[in-house]
Protein backbone atom coordinates (compact mmCIF):
# COMPACT_ATOMS: atom_id res chain seq x y z
CA MET A 1 44.60 161.46 100.26
CA SER A 2 41.76 162.31 98.98
CA ALA A 3 38.75 164.76 100.36
CA LEU A 4 35.10 163.98 100.62
CA ASP A 5 33.52 166.93 98.16
CA PRO A 6 31.42 168.73 99.73
CA ALA A 7 33.86 168.41 103.01
CA ASP A 8 31.12 166.59 105.12
CA SER A 9 31.87 164.33 108.46
CA SER A 10 28.72 162.92 108.04
CA GLN A 11 29.97 161.41 104.94
CA LEU A 12 33.22 160.02 106.33
CA SER A 13 31.30 158.45 108.65
CA VAL A 14 29.15 156.82 106.69
CA LEU A 15 32.18 155.21 104.75
CA ALA A 16 33.89 154.66 108.20
CA GLU A 17 30.79 152.36 109.64
CA GLU A 18 30.26 150.48 105.85
CA ILE A 19 33.72 149.60 105.88
CA ARG A 20 33.42 148.51 109.71
CA HIS A 21 30.12 146.72 108.66
CA PHE A 22 31.57 145.04 105.43
CA ARG A 23 34.42 143.72 107.51
CA LYS A 24 33.00 142.42 110.10
CA LYS A 25 30.25 140.66 108.09
CA ASN A 26 32.98 138.95 106.11
CA HIS A 27 34.58 137.98 109.50
CA PHE A 28 37.50 139.55 108.61
CA SER A 29 39.85 141.35 111.03
CA LEU A 30 41.67 144.14 110.27
CA GLU A 31 45.27 142.04 109.61
CA GLN A 32 42.95 139.60 107.45
CA LEU A 33 41.59 142.83 105.58
CA ALA A 34 45.18 144.20 105.04
CA GLU A 35 46.33 141.30 103.76
CA ALA A 36 43.91 140.42 101.60
CA SER A 37 43.47 144.28 100.05
CA GLY A 38 47.01 145.16 100.30
CA VAL A 39 46.25 148.12 102.33
CA SER A 40 48.46 148.42 105.74
CA ARG A 41 46.45 147.82 108.76
CA SER A 42 47.21 150.83 110.40
CA MET A 43 45.35 152.97 107.04
CA ILE A 44 42.49 150.81 107.51
CA SER A 45 41.72 151.83 111.42
CA LYS A 46 42.63 155.05 110.31
CA ILE A 47 39.32 155.04 108.08
CA GLU A 48 37.57 153.36 110.29
CA ARG A 49 38.43 156.02 112.71
CA CYS A 50 37.33 159.24 111.20
CA GLU A 51 41.10 160.23 110.68
CA THR A 52 41.85 159.97 107.34
CA ILE A 53 40.15 159.70 104.22
CA PRO A 54 41.44 157.40 101.90
CA SER A 55 42.30 157.60 97.75
CA THR A 56 39.86 156.19 95.33
CA VAL A 57 42.97 153.47 94.69
CA ILE A 58 42.50 152.91 98.24
CA LEU A 59 38.97 152.07 98.28
CA SER A 60 38.95 150.32 94.89
CA LYS A 61 41.46 147.65 96.94
CA LEU A 62 39.30 147.60 100.00
CA ALA A 63 35.68 147.44 97.69
CA GLU A 64 37.33 144.32 95.95
CA ALA A 65 38.59 142.87 98.58
CA LEU A 66 34.97 142.74 101.08
CA GLY A 67 33.49 142.10 97.36
CA VAL A 68 31.48 144.92 97.78
CA THR A 69 31.48 147.82 94.97
CA PHE A 70 32.40 151.40 95.49
CA SER A 71 28.87 153.07 96.21
CA GLN A 72 28.53 150.60 99.09
CA LEU A 73 31.28 151.59 100.92
CA MET A 74 30.01 154.86 100.03
CA ALA A 75 26.28 155.00 101.26
CA PRO A 76 24.22 152.79 103.57
CA ALA A 77 21.57 150.39 101.77
CA VAL A 78 18.62 151.49 100.84
CA GLU A 79 15.56 149.25 100.96
CA ARG A 80 12.89 150.78 98.66
CA GLU A 81 12.54 150.47 94.77
CA ILE A 82 12.34 153.96 93.54
CA VAL A 83 15.45 156.44 95.26
CA HIS A 84 15.31 160.10 94.33
CA ILE A 85 18.90 161.11 95.19
CA PRO A 86 19.25 165.07 95.18
CA ALA A 87 22.89 166.03 93.95
CA ALA A 88 23.77 167.94 97.35
CA ARG A 89 23.40 163.94 98.80
CA GLN A 90 25.39 162.07 96.23
CA PRO A 91 28.96 160.94 97.77
CA ILE A 92 31.48 162.64 96.17
CA LEU A 93 35.55 161.58 96.77
CA ARG A 94 38.27 164.26 95.34
CA ASP A 95 41.39 162.29 95.41
CA GLU A 96 43.73 165.77 96.53
CA GLU A 97 46.69 164.30 94.66
CA SER A 98 45.19 164.08 91.48
CA GLY A 99 41.91 166.01 91.71
CA PHE A 100 40.23 163.39 90.46
CA LEU A 101 36.60 163.88 91.34
CA ARG A 102 33.78 160.63 91.50
CA ARG A 103 30.20 161.08 92.13
CA CYS A 104 28.20 158.49 93.03
CA ILE A 105 24.93 158.51 91.39
CA SER A 106 23.73 154.63 91.90
CA PRO A 107 21.65 154.30 94.57
CA VAL A 108 23.14 150.93 97.13
CA LEU A 109 20.24 148.12 96.08
CA PRO A 110 20.65 144.96 98.01
CA GLY A 111 20.98 142.40 95.72
CA ARG A 112 21.79 144.98 92.81
CA GLY A 113 25.25 144.60 91.08
CA ILE A 114 25.61 148.23 89.19
CA ASP A 115 27.76 150.82 90.09
CA TRP A 116 26.65 153.96 88.10
CA VAL A 117 29.32 156.75 88.92
CA LEU A 118 29.98 160.22 86.73
CA ASN A 119 34.11 161.01 87.22
CA THR A 120 35.98 164.07 86.65
CA LEU A 121 39.80 163.88 85.62
CA PRO A 122 41.77 167.45 85.76
CA PRO A 123 44.05 168.18 82.17
CA GLU A 124 46.24 165.48 82.24
CA ALA A 125 45.45 163.70 85.24
CA ASP A 126 45.44 159.97 85.56
CA THR A 127 43.27 157.87 88.29
CA GLY A 128 45.97 155.76 89.50
CA ASN A 129 45.84 151.88 88.98
CA PHE A 130 43.02 150.44 90.35
CA VAL A 131 43.15 146.60 91.47
CA ALA A 132 41.77 143.96 88.71
CA HIS A 133 38.36 143.04 90.18
CA ARG A 134 36.84 139.62 90.51
CA ARG A 135 36.20 137.42 87.34
CA GLY A 136 32.19 138.28 85.61
CA VAL A 137 32.91 142.29 86.98
CA GLU A 138 32.56 144.54 83.76
CA GLU A 139 32.61 147.49 82.73
CA TYR A 140 30.90 150.73 80.71
CA ILE A 141 31.94 153.48 79.82
CA PHE A 142 30.94 156.64 78.48
CA VAL A 143 33.08 159.86 77.71
CA LEU A 144 30.86 163.20 77.98
CA ARG A 145 33.67 165.31 77.36
CA GLY A 146 37.17 165.39 76.48
CA ARG A 147 39.98 162.50 75.95
CA MET A 148 41.23 160.09 77.91
CA ARG A 149 42.94 157.09 77.39
CA VAL A 150 42.19 153.61 79.41
CA SER A 151 44.48 151.09 80.12
CA ILE A 152 43.32 147.36 81.15
CA GLY A 153 46.54 145.18 81.57
CA ASP A 154 48.95 145.49 78.61
CA GLN A 155 46.47 147.26 76.24
CA ARG A 156 45.40 151.15 75.64
CA VAL A 157 42.26 152.12 73.61
CA ASN A 158 42.67 155.92 73.31
CA LEU A 159 38.50 157.44 73.66
CA ASN A 160 37.39 161.05 72.52
CA GLN A 161 33.80 162.98 74.10
CA GLY A 162 30.72 160.20 72.75
CA ASP A 163 32.82 156.97 72.57
CA SER A 164 31.93 154.30 74.42
CA LEU A 165 33.94 151.48 75.97
CA TYR A 166 33.07 147.59 77.25
CA PHE A 167 35.80 145.71 79.52
CA GLN A 168 35.93 142.68 81.05
CA ALA A 169 37.62 144.32 84.65
CA ASP A 170 39.39 141.60 86.01
CA ALA A 171 42.60 143.04 84.80
CA ASP A 172 44.58 146.09 86.60
CA HIS A 173 43.29 148.71 84.92
CA SER A 174 44.02 152.81 85.17
CA PHE A 175 42.65 156.12 83.09
CA LEU A 176 44.06 158.94 82.09
CA ASN A 177 43.53 162.45 80.24
CA LEU A 178 44.46 162.95 77.39
CA GLY A 179 43.24 166.47 77.19
CA LYS A 180 44.17 170.48 78.42
CA THR A 181 40.90 170.79 79.57
CA PRO A 182 38.63 168.11 82.19
CA CYS A 183 37.29 164.74 81.27
CA GLU A 184 34.09 163.72 82.23
CA TYR A 185 32.70 160.35 81.88
CA PHE A 186 30.13 157.81 82.53
CA LEU A 187 31.37 154.61 84.66
CA VAL A 188 29.37 151.62 85.04
CA ILE A 189 30.84 148.48 87.55
CA ASP A 190 28.68 145.74 86.76
CA THR A 191 28.96 143.27 89.29
CA ALA A 192 25.86 140.84 88.38
CA LYS A 193 27.38 137.83 86.50
CA VAL A 194 29.32 137.75 90.13
CA ARG A 195 26.35 137.80 92.87
CA SER A 196 24.81 134.63 90.15
């Protein structure tokens, strides 16, 4: 389970509405989305009814099955080209089990394929496994502070503060904090090639 941070029932409502919106846009029943994502029908139903908050791993599975970015599930789309998002309005998801904190800092703009996220991993914590994205999805990482290990399929890469990494995200991947202090890193998920 995860908890949105700050504890904001309106953010939970947005998440529930966006999952329902994209499920219907894709003409998925609850059963069809469960089958496509590997997330149980009962869990999806509870999320849509605001009865539970999904972990980041569950959200990544739903986003992938729905063909959207993580940020698109966390905030409704806006139409403006210039978008200011105050820190207090940036959606934050906290995974209660690991303490993994994910702050969505990119606006959700129609037709854009960039998801920019500031992640914080507690000491020696890991994110859990993120399912492979569709072919063409690329991810970029920049480590602001700390040390981390990125696992992509069967490959492992250790990153230190100031290091960056690019990878094609069509393999399962996960992130592990190697240190005894929080690891903070930017993650950019680029789905532009999938959309074109």
